[in-house]
């Protein structure tokens, strides 16, 4: 079997490229709870108004530019803000009010109640006078998640 010879110059370059990202992550992880919250709030406070501006731009007739801007804002939100949230989440959960809000957000009962309200609002309830089968959800329990056991 053929094995590639080790190239120390390639290994050194790839580890040198990786070092700034790792040090930035360590720097972010070293922040306290409230600076972490501020760090997370800055990109969110920037991206959300840009989404509204993109909708206004599309409404003025520049729909290609507006659509591209909305797509870029959502990509930034999904890629950067989500990654940042994963890094700072342990620090944020040390803040008592944030931990209570987060627990309420991930609670299965709260999400199940919201699911029932949403089904009622959009008309996914069985029609009593019809003999047609009622629409069923694709899963047995709304928003079930094995990672968060019931209490």
N, C-alpha and C. Protein backbone atom coordinates (compact mmCIF):
# COMPACT_ATOMS: atom_id res chain seq x y z
N UNK A 1 0.83 -1.17 0.00
CA UNK A 1 0.00 0.00 0.00
C UNK A 1 0.88 1.24 0.00
N UNK A 2 0.51 2.20 -0.81
CA UNK A 2 1.31 3.41 -0.95
C UNK A 2 0.94 4.41 0.15
N UNK A 3 1.94 4.94 0.83
CA UNK A 3 1.72 5.95 1.86
C UNK A 3 2.38 7.25 1.43
N UNK A 4 1.66 8.30 1.63
CA UNK A 4 2.20 9.61 1.30
C UNK A 4 3.30 10.00 2.28
N UNK A 5 4.38 10.55 1.78
CA UNK A 5 5.41 11.01 2.72
C UNK A 5 4.93 12.26 3.45
N UNK A 6 5.32 12.37 4.70
CA UNK A 6 4.95 13.55 5.50
C UNK A 6 5.66 14.78 4.95
N UNK A 7 4.93 15.84 4.84
CA UNK A 7 5.53 17.10 4.40
C UNK A 7 5.42 18.08 5.55
N UNK A 8 6.53 18.35 6.23
CA UNK A 8 6.47 19.23 7.40
C UNK A 8 6.05 20.65 7.07
N UNK A 9 6.33 21.12 5.85
CA UNK A 9 5.93 22.49 5.51
C UNK A 9 4.41 22.60 5.41
N UNK A 10 3.73 21.56 4.90
CA UNK A 10 2.26 21.58 4.80
C UNK A 10 1.64 21.49 6.18
N UNK A 11 2.17 20.64 7.04
CA UNK A 11 1.65 20.50 8.39
C UNK A 11 1.82 21.80 9.16
N UNK A 12 2.95 22.48 9.00
CA UNK A 12 3.20 23.74 9.70
C UNK A 12 2.25 24.83 9.24
N UNK A 13 1.96 24.88 7.94
CA UNK A 13 1.05 25.89 7.42
C UNK A 13 -0.36 25.65 7.92
N UNK A 14 -0.82 24.38 7.88
CA UNK A 14 -2.18 24.11 8.30
C UNK A 14 -2.36 24.37 9.80
N UNK A 15 -1.37 24.06 10.62
CA UNK A 15 -1.50 24.34 12.04
C UNK A 15 -1.39 25.84 12.32
N UNK A 16 -0.62 26.56 11.50
CA UNK A 16 -0.54 28.01 11.67
C UNK A 16 -1.86 28.68 11.31
N UNK A 17 -2.56 28.13 10.34
CA UNK A 17 -3.87 28.69 9.98
C UNK A 17 -4.89 28.41 11.07
N UNK A 18 -4.76 27.30 11.74
CA UNK A 18 -5.70 26.90 12.76
C UNK A 18 -5.50 27.68 14.06
N UNK A 19 -4.32 28.13 14.34
CA UNK A 19 -4.01 28.78 15.61
C UNK A 19 -4.84 30.03 15.89
N UNK A 20 -5.04 30.96 14.96
CA UNK A 20 -5.84 32.15 15.29
C UNK A 20 -7.28 31.82 15.65
N UNK A 21 -7.88 30.84 14.97
CA UNK A 21 -9.25 30.48 15.31
C UNK A 21 -9.34 29.89 16.70
N UNK A 22 -8.40 29.04 17.04
CA UNK A 22 -8.42 28.42 18.36
C UNK A 22 -8.18 29.46 19.45
N UNK A 23 -7.28 30.41 19.20
CA UNK A 23 -7.04 31.42 20.22
C UNK A 23 -8.24 32.35 20.36
N UNK A 24 -8.94 32.63 19.26
CA UNK A 24 -10.14 33.45 19.34
C UNK A 24 -11.22 32.73 20.13
N UNK A 25 -11.35 31.43 19.91
CA UNK A 25 -12.34 30.65 20.66
C UNK A 25 -11.99 30.65 22.15
N UNK A 26 -10.72 30.48 22.47
CA UNK A 26 -10.31 30.50 23.88
C UNK A 26 -10.55 31.87 24.50
N UNK A 27 -10.32 32.91 23.72
CA UNK A 27 -10.58 34.26 24.21
C UNK A 27 -12.06 34.45 24.52
N UNK A 28 -12.92 33.97 23.62
CA UNK A 28 -14.37 34.09 23.82
C UNK A 28 -14.81 33.25 25.02
N UNK A 29 -14.26 32.03 25.14
CA UNK A 29 -14.62 31.18 26.27
C UNK A 29 -14.15 31.76 27.59
N UNK A 30 -13.12 32.59 27.56
CA UNK A 30 -12.60 33.19 28.78
C UNK A 30 -13.40 34.39 29.27
N UNK A 31 -14.36 34.86 28.48
CA UNK A 31 -15.17 36.01 28.89
C UNK A 31 -16.13 35.61 30.01
N UNK A 32 -16.58 36.59 30.75
CA UNK A 32 -17.57 36.37 31.79
C UNK A 32 -18.95 36.25 31.18
N UNK A 33 -19.97 36.02 32.03
CA UNK A 33 -21.33 35.83 31.51
C UNK A 33 -21.90 37.06 30.81
N UNK A 34 -21.78 38.24 31.42
CA UNK A 34 -22.38 39.42 30.81
C UNK A 34 -21.60 39.92 29.59
N UNK A 35 -20.26 39.89 29.57
CA UNK A 35 -19.57 40.20 28.32
C UNK A 35 -19.91 39.20 27.21
N UNK A 36 -20.15 37.94 27.56
CA UNK A 36 -20.56 36.96 26.56
C UNK A 36 -21.92 37.31 25.99
N UNK A 37 -22.83 37.76 26.86
CA UNK A 37 -24.15 38.18 26.41
C UNK A 37 -24.05 39.38 25.48
N UNK A 38 -23.19 40.32 25.82
CA UNK A 38 -22.99 41.50 24.97
C UNK A 38 -22.38 41.09 23.63
N UNK A 39 -21.42 40.17 23.68
CA UNK A 39 -20.79 39.71 22.44
C UNK A 39 -21.80 39.02 21.54
N UNK A 40 -22.73 38.30 22.09
CA UNK A 40 -23.77 37.65 21.30
C UNK A 40 -24.80 38.66 20.81
N UNK A 41 -25.07 39.68 21.60
CA UNK A 41 -26.09 40.67 21.22
C UNK A 41 -25.63 41.57 20.08
N UNK A 42 -24.34 41.81 19.95
CA UNK A 42 -23.86 42.71 18.91
C UNK A 42 -24.17 42.23 17.49
N UNK A 43 -23.82 40.99 17.12
CA UNK A 43 -24.18 40.58 15.75
C UNK A 43 -25.68 40.43 15.54
N UNK A 44 -26.40 40.04 16.58
CA UNK A 44 -27.85 39.93 16.44
C UNK A 44 -28.47 41.31 16.22
N UNK A 45 -27.98 42.29 16.97
CA UNK A 45 -28.50 43.65 16.83
C UNK A 45 -28.12 44.27 15.49
N UNK A 46 -27.13 43.74 14.84
CA UNK A 46 -26.74 44.23 13.52
C UNK A 46 -27.53 43.53 12.42
N UNK A 47 -27.70 42.23 12.54
CA UNK A 47 -28.31 41.45 11.46
C UNK A 47 -29.82 41.67 11.38
N UNK A 48 -30.50 41.74 12.49
CA UNK A 48 -31.96 41.86 12.45
C UNK A 48 -32.44 43.14 11.76
N UNK A 49 -31.88 44.32 12.04
CA UNK A 49 -32.30 45.49 11.26
C UNK A 49 -31.93 45.40 9.78
N UNK A 50 -30.83 44.70 9.47
CA UNK A 50 -30.47 44.52 8.07
C UNK A 50 -31.51 43.67 7.33
N UNK A 51 -32.11 42.72 8.02
CA UNK A 51 -33.17 41.92 7.40
C UNK A 51 -34.37 42.79 7.05
N UNK A 52 -34.72 43.68 7.98
CA UNK A 52 -35.84 44.61 7.70
C UNK A 52 -35.49 45.56 6.55
N UNK A 53 -34.25 46.02 6.52
CA UNK A 53 -33.82 46.89 5.42
C UNK A 53 -33.87 46.15 4.09
N UNK A 54 -33.53 44.86 4.11
CA UNK A 54 -33.58 44.07 2.88
C UNK A 54 -35.01 43.91 2.39
N UNK A 55 -35.95 43.73 3.31
CA UNK A 55 -37.35 43.63 2.91
C UNK A 55 -37.82 44.97 2.33
N UNK A 56 -37.41 46.07 2.94
CA UNK A 56 -37.78 47.39 2.40
C UNK A 56 -37.15 47.60 1.03
N UNK A 57 -35.92 47.16 0.86
CA UNK A 57 -35.25 47.29 -0.43
C UNK A 57 -35.96 46.48 -1.50
N UNK A 58 -36.38 45.27 -1.14
CA UNK A 58 -37.12 44.43 -2.09
C UNK A 58 -38.48 45.07 -2.40
N UNK A 59 -39.07 45.72 -1.42
CA UNK A 59 -40.36 46.39 -1.63
C UNK A 59 -40.27 47.60 -2.53
N UNK A 60 -39.09 48.19 -2.61
CA UNK A 60 -38.89 49.36 -3.49
C UNK A 60 -38.65 48.95 -4.94
N UNK A 61 -38.61 47.64 -5.20
CA UNK A 61 -38.42 47.20 -6.58
C UNK A 61 -37.08 46.54 -6.83
N UNK A 62 -36.18 46.60 -5.89
CA UNK A 62 -34.87 45.97 -6.04
C UNK A 62 -34.94 44.56 -5.44
N UNK A 63 -35.76 43.71 -6.04
CA UNK A 63 -36.04 42.42 -5.41
C UNK A 63 -34.85 41.46 -5.49
N UNK A 64 -34.01 41.55 -6.49
CA UNK A 64 -32.84 40.66 -6.56
C UNK A 64 -31.84 41.05 -5.47
N UNK A 65 -31.59 42.33 -5.32
CA UNK A 65 -30.67 42.79 -4.28
C UNK A 65 -31.24 42.50 -2.90
N UNK A 66 -32.53 42.75 -2.71
CA UNK A 66 -33.16 42.48 -1.43
C UNK A 66 -33.14 41.01 -1.07
N UNK A 67 -33.40 40.16 -2.06
CA UNK A 67 -33.37 38.71 -1.80
C UNK A 67 -31.97 38.25 -1.47
N UNK A 68 -30.98 38.75 -2.20
CA UNK A 68 -29.59 38.38 -1.90
C UNK A 68 -29.18 38.86 -0.51
N UNK A 69 -29.64 40.04 -0.15
CA UNK A 69 -29.32 40.58 1.16
C UNK A 69 -29.98 39.78 2.28
N UNK A 70 -31.21 39.38 2.09
CA UNK A 70 -31.90 38.55 3.08
C UNK A 70 -31.20 37.20 3.21
N UNK A 71 -30.82 36.61 2.07
CA UNK A 71 -30.12 35.32 2.11
C UNK A 71 -28.79 35.45 2.84
N UNK A 72 -28.07 36.54 2.60
CA UNK A 72 -26.78 36.75 3.28
C UNK A 72 -26.99 36.95 4.78
N UNK A 73 -28.02 37.69 5.16
CA UNK A 73 -28.30 37.91 6.58
C UNK A 73 -28.66 36.61 7.28
N UNK A 74 -29.49 35.79 6.65
CA UNK A 74 -29.85 34.51 7.26
C UNK A 74 -28.64 33.57 7.32
N UNK A 75 -27.81 33.59 6.31
CA UNK A 75 -26.60 32.76 6.34
C UNK A 75 -25.69 33.21 7.48
N UNK A 76 -25.54 34.52 7.65
CA UNK A 76 -24.73 35.04 8.75
C UNK A 76 -25.32 34.62 10.09
N UNK A 77 -26.64 34.72 10.20
CA UNK A 77 -27.29 34.32 11.45
C UNK A 77 -27.08 32.85 11.74
N UNK A 78 -27.26 32.03 10.72
CA UNK A 78 -27.15 30.59 10.94
C UNK A 78 -25.71 30.15 11.17
N UNK A 79 -24.78 30.73 10.47
CA UNK A 79 -23.41 30.25 10.56
C UNK A 79 -22.62 30.90 11.69
N UNK A 80 -22.68 32.20 11.80
CA UNK A 80 -21.83 32.91 12.76
C UNK A 80 -22.51 33.00 14.13
N UNK A 81 -23.72 33.50 14.17
CA UNK A 81 -24.40 33.71 15.45
C UNK A 81 -24.65 32.37 16.15
N UNK A 82 -25.01 31.34 15.39
CA UNK A 82 -25.24 30.03 15.99
C UNK A 82 -23.94 29.48 16.58
N UNK A 83 -22.84 29.60 15.86
CA UNK A 83 -21.54 29.12 16.36
C UNK A 83 -21.13 29.90 17.61
N UNK A 84 -21.36 31.19 17.59
CA UNK A 84 -21.04 32.01 18.74
C UNK A 84 -21.90 31.63 19.94
N UNK A 85 -23.18 31.35 19.70
CA UNK A 85 -24.06 30.94 20.80
C UNK A 85 -23.61 29.63 21.42
N UNK A 86 -23.17 28.69 20.59
CA UNK A 86 -22.68 27.41 21.11
C UNK A 86 -21.48 27.63 22.02
N UNK A 87 -20.61 28.56 21.66
CA UNK A 87 -19.42 28.83 22.45
C UNK A 87 -19.77 29.49 23.79
N UNK A 88 -20.68 30.46 23.78
CA UNK A 88 -20.96 31.24 24.99
C UNK A 88 -22.13 30.69 25.82
N UNK A 89 -22.80 29.66 25.34
CA UNK A 89 -23.97 29.13 26.05
C UNK A 89 -23.68 28.71 27.49
N UNK A 90 -22.57 28.02 27.79
CA UNK A 90 -22.33 27.67 29.20
C UNK A 90 -22.20 28.90 30.11
N UNK A 91 -21.60 29.95 29.61
CA UNK A 91 -21.49 31.19 30.40
C UNK A 91 -22.86 31.84 30.57
N UNK A 92 -23.66 31.83 29.52
CA UNK A 92 -24.98 32.44 29.60
C UNK A 92 -25.89 31.71 30.56
N UNK A 93 -25.74 30.38 30.65
CA UNK A 93 -26.57 29.61 31.56
C UNK A 93 -26.18 29.83 33.01
N UNK A 94 -25.07 30.49 33.27
CA UNK A 94 -24.71 30.82 34.65
C UNK A 94 -25.45 32.06 35.14
N UNK A 95 -26.11 32.79 34.22
CA UNK A 95 -26.96 33.92 34.60
C UNK A 95 -28.34 33.33 34.93
N UNK A 96 -28.84 33.61 36.13
CA UNK A 96 -30.06 32.93 36.59
C UNK A 96 -31.27 33.24 35.71
N UNK A 97 -31.48 34.50 35.34
CA UNK A 97 -32.66 34.83 34.54
C UNK A 97 -32.56 34.24 33.15
N UNK A 98 -31.36 34.17 32.58
CA UNK A 98 -31.20 33.57 31.26
C UNK A 98 -31.44 32.07 31.33
N UNK A 99 -30.96 31.44 32.41
CA UNK A 99 -31.16 30.00 32.57
C UNK A 99 -32.65 29.67 32.69
N UNK A 100 -33.41 30.51 33.41
CA UNK A 100 -34.86 30.27 33.52
C UNK A 100 -35.54 30.44 32.16
N UNK A 101 -35.16 31.48 31.42
CA UNK A 101 -35.74 31.68 30.09
C UNK A 101 -35.40 30.52 29.16
N UNK A 102 -34.16 30.07 29.21
CA UNK A 102 -33.74 28.98 28.35
C UNK A 102 -34.47 27.69 28.70
N UNK A 103 -34.62 27.43 29.99
CA UNK A 103 -35.34 26.22 30.43
C UNK A 103 -36.79 26.28 29.95
N UNK A 104 -37.41 27.45 30.02
CA UNK A 104 -38.77 27.59 29.51
C UNK A 104 -38.84 27.43 28.01
N UNK A 105 -37.81 27.87 27.31
CA UNK A 105 -37.79 27.77 25.85
C UNK A 105 -37.64 26.32 25.40
N UNK A 106 -36.83 25.54 26.09
CA UNK A 106 -36.62 24.17 25.66
C UNK A 106 -37.57 23.19 26.31
N UNK A 107 -38.42 23.67 27.19
CA UNK A 107 -39.37 22.79 27.88
C UNK A 107 -40.30 22.13 26.88
N UNK A 108 -40.48 20.84 27.02
CA UNK A 108 -41.34 20.09 26.11
C UNK A 108 -42.79 20.52 26.26
N UNK A 109 -43.20 20.80 27.49
CA UNK A 109 -44.60 21.19 27.71
C UNK A 109 -44.92 22.52 27.03
N UNK A 110 -44.01 23.48 27.12
CA UNK A 110 -44.26 24.78 26.50
C UNK A 110 -44.31 24.64 24.99
N UNK A 111 -43.38 23.88 24.42
CA UNK A 111 -43.39 23.70 22.97
C UNK A 111 -44.60 22.91 22.51
N UNK A 112 -45.04 21.94 23.30
CA UNK A 112 -46.24 21.17 22.95
C UNK A 112 -47.47 22.07 22.98
N UNK A 113 -47.55 22.96 23.97
CA UNK A 113 -48.67 23.89 24.05
C UNK A 113 -48.66 24.84 22.84
N UNK A 114 -47.48 25.34 22.48
CA UNK A 114 -47.38 26.21 21.30
C UNK A 114 -47.77 25.46 20.03
N UNK A 115 -47.40 24.19 19.94
CA UNK A 115 -47.77 23.38 18.79
C UNK A 115 -49.28 23.23 18.69
N UNK A 116 -49.95 23.00 19.83
CA UNK A 116 -51.41 22.87 19.81
C UNK A 116 -52.07 24.18 19.40
N UNK A 117 -51.56 25.31 19.88
CA UNK A 117 -52.12 26.62 19.50
C UNK A 117 -51.90 26.86 18.01
N UNK A 118 -50.72 26.53 17.52
CA UNK A 118 -50.44 26.72 16.11
C UNK A 118 -51.34 25.85 15.24
N UNK A 119 -51.53 24.60 15.63
CA UNK A 119 -52.42 23.71 14.87
C UNK A 119 -53.83 24.27 14.86
N UNK A 120 -54.27 24.82 15.99
CA UNK A 120 -55.61 25.39 16.06
C UNK A 120 -55.72 26.62 15.17
N UNK A 121 -54.68 27.45 15.16
CA UNK A 121 -54.73 28.70 14.38
C UNK A 121 -54.72 28.45 12.89
N UNK A 122 -53.97 27.47 12.42
CA UNK A 122 -53.89 27.25 10.98
C UNK A 122 -54.88 26.21 10.49
N UNK A 123 -55.70 25.69 11.39
CA UNK A 123 -56.79 24.82 10.97
C UNK A 123 -56.40 23.36 10.80
N UNK A 124 -55.47 22.86 11.56
CA UNK A 124 -55.12 21.45 11.48
C UNK A 124 -55.89 20.64 12.51
N UNK A 125 -57.14 20.94 12.68
CA UNK A 125 -57.95 20.17 13.62
C UNK A 125 -58.94 19.32 12.81
N UNK A 126 -59.36 18.20 13.37
CA UNK A 126 -60.27 17.34 12.60
C UNK A 126 -61.63 18.00 12.41
N UNK A 127 -62.19 17.83 11.24
CA UNK A 127 -63.52 18.34 10.94
C UNK A 127 -64.53 17.31 11.44
N UNK A 128 -65.39 17.71 12.35
CA UNK A 128 -66.30 16.75 13.01
C UNK A 128 -67.37 16.22 12.07
N UNK A 129 -67.77 16.99 11.08
CA UNK A 129 -68.82 16.54 10.17
C UNK A 129 -68.29 15.71 9.02
N UNK A 130 -67.00 15.59 8.87
CA UNK A 130 -66.42 14.90 7.73
C UNK A 130 -66.05 13.47 8.10
N UNK A 131 -66.12 12.60 7.12
CA UNK A 131 -65.70 11.22 7.35
C UNK A 131 -64.24 11.01 6.96
N UNK A 132 -63.61 12.05 6.44
CA UNK A 132 -62.20 11.94 6.05
C UNK A 132 -61.33 11.83 7.30
N UNK A 133 -60.25 11.11 7.19
CA UNK A 133 -59.37 10.99 8.36
C UNK A 133 -58.75 12.33 8.71
N UNK A 134 -58.54 12.53 10.00
CA UNK A 134 -57.98 13.79 10.44
C UNK A 134 -56.50 13.84 10.11
N UNK A 135 -56.00 15.04 9.80
CA UNK A 135 -54.56 15.14 9.54
C UNK A 135 -53.77 14.81 10.79
N UNK A 136 -52.73 14.00 10.66
CA UNK A 136 -51.92 13.59 11.80
C UNK A 136 -50.54 14.18 11.66
N UNK A 137 -49.93 14.52 12.77
CA UNK A 137 -48.57 15.03 12.68
C UNK A 137 -47.62 13.92 12.25
N UNK A 138 -46.46 14.30 11.73
CA UNK A 138 -45.50 13.32 11.25
C UNK A 138 -44.79 12.61 12.39
N UNK A 139 -44.90 13.13 13.56
CA UNK A 139 -44.25 12.51 14.70
C UNK A 139 -45.29 12.34 15.81
N UNK A 140 -45.02 11.46 16.73
CA UNK A 140 -46.02 11.15 17.73
C UNK A 140 -46.12 12.20 18.81
N UNK A 141 -45.03 12.79 19.20
CA UNK A 141 -45.06 13.80 20.25
C UNK A 141 -44.44 15.08 19.71
N UNK A 142 -45.14 16.19 19.78
CA UNK A 142 -44.61 17.42 19.20
C UNK A 142 -43.32 17.84 19.87
N UNK A 143 -42.34 18.12 19.06
CA UNK A 143 -41.05 18.65 19.50
C UNK A 143 -40.37 17.79 20.56
N UNK A 144 -40.49 16.48 20.43
CA UNK A 144 -39.83 15.63 21.42
C UNK A 144 -38.33 15.66 21.16
N UNK A 145 -37.58 15.64 22.21
CA UNK A 145 -36.13 15.69 22.11
C UNK A 145 -35.55 14.82 23.20
N UNK A 146 -34.79 13.82 22.84
CA UNK A 146 -34.25 12.90 23.83
C UNK A 146 -33.18 13.54 24.67
N UNK A 147 -32.57 14.62 24.20
CA UNK A 147 -31.50 15.24 24.96
C UNK A 147 -31.99 15.93 26.22
N UNK A 148 -33.25 16.31 26.24
CA UNK A 148 -33.79 17.03 27.40
C UNK A 148 -34.90 16.19 28.03
N UNK A 149 -34.57 15.36 28.99
CA UNK A 149 -35.59 14.49 29.59
C UNK A 149 -36.64 15.29 30.35
N UNK A 150 -37.81 14.70 30.46
CA UNK A 150 -38.89 15.36 31.21
C UNK A 150 -38.58 15.34 32.69
N UNK A 151 -39.14 16.32 33.38
CA UNK A 151 -38.93 16.42 34.82
C UNK A 151 -40.21 16.17 35.54
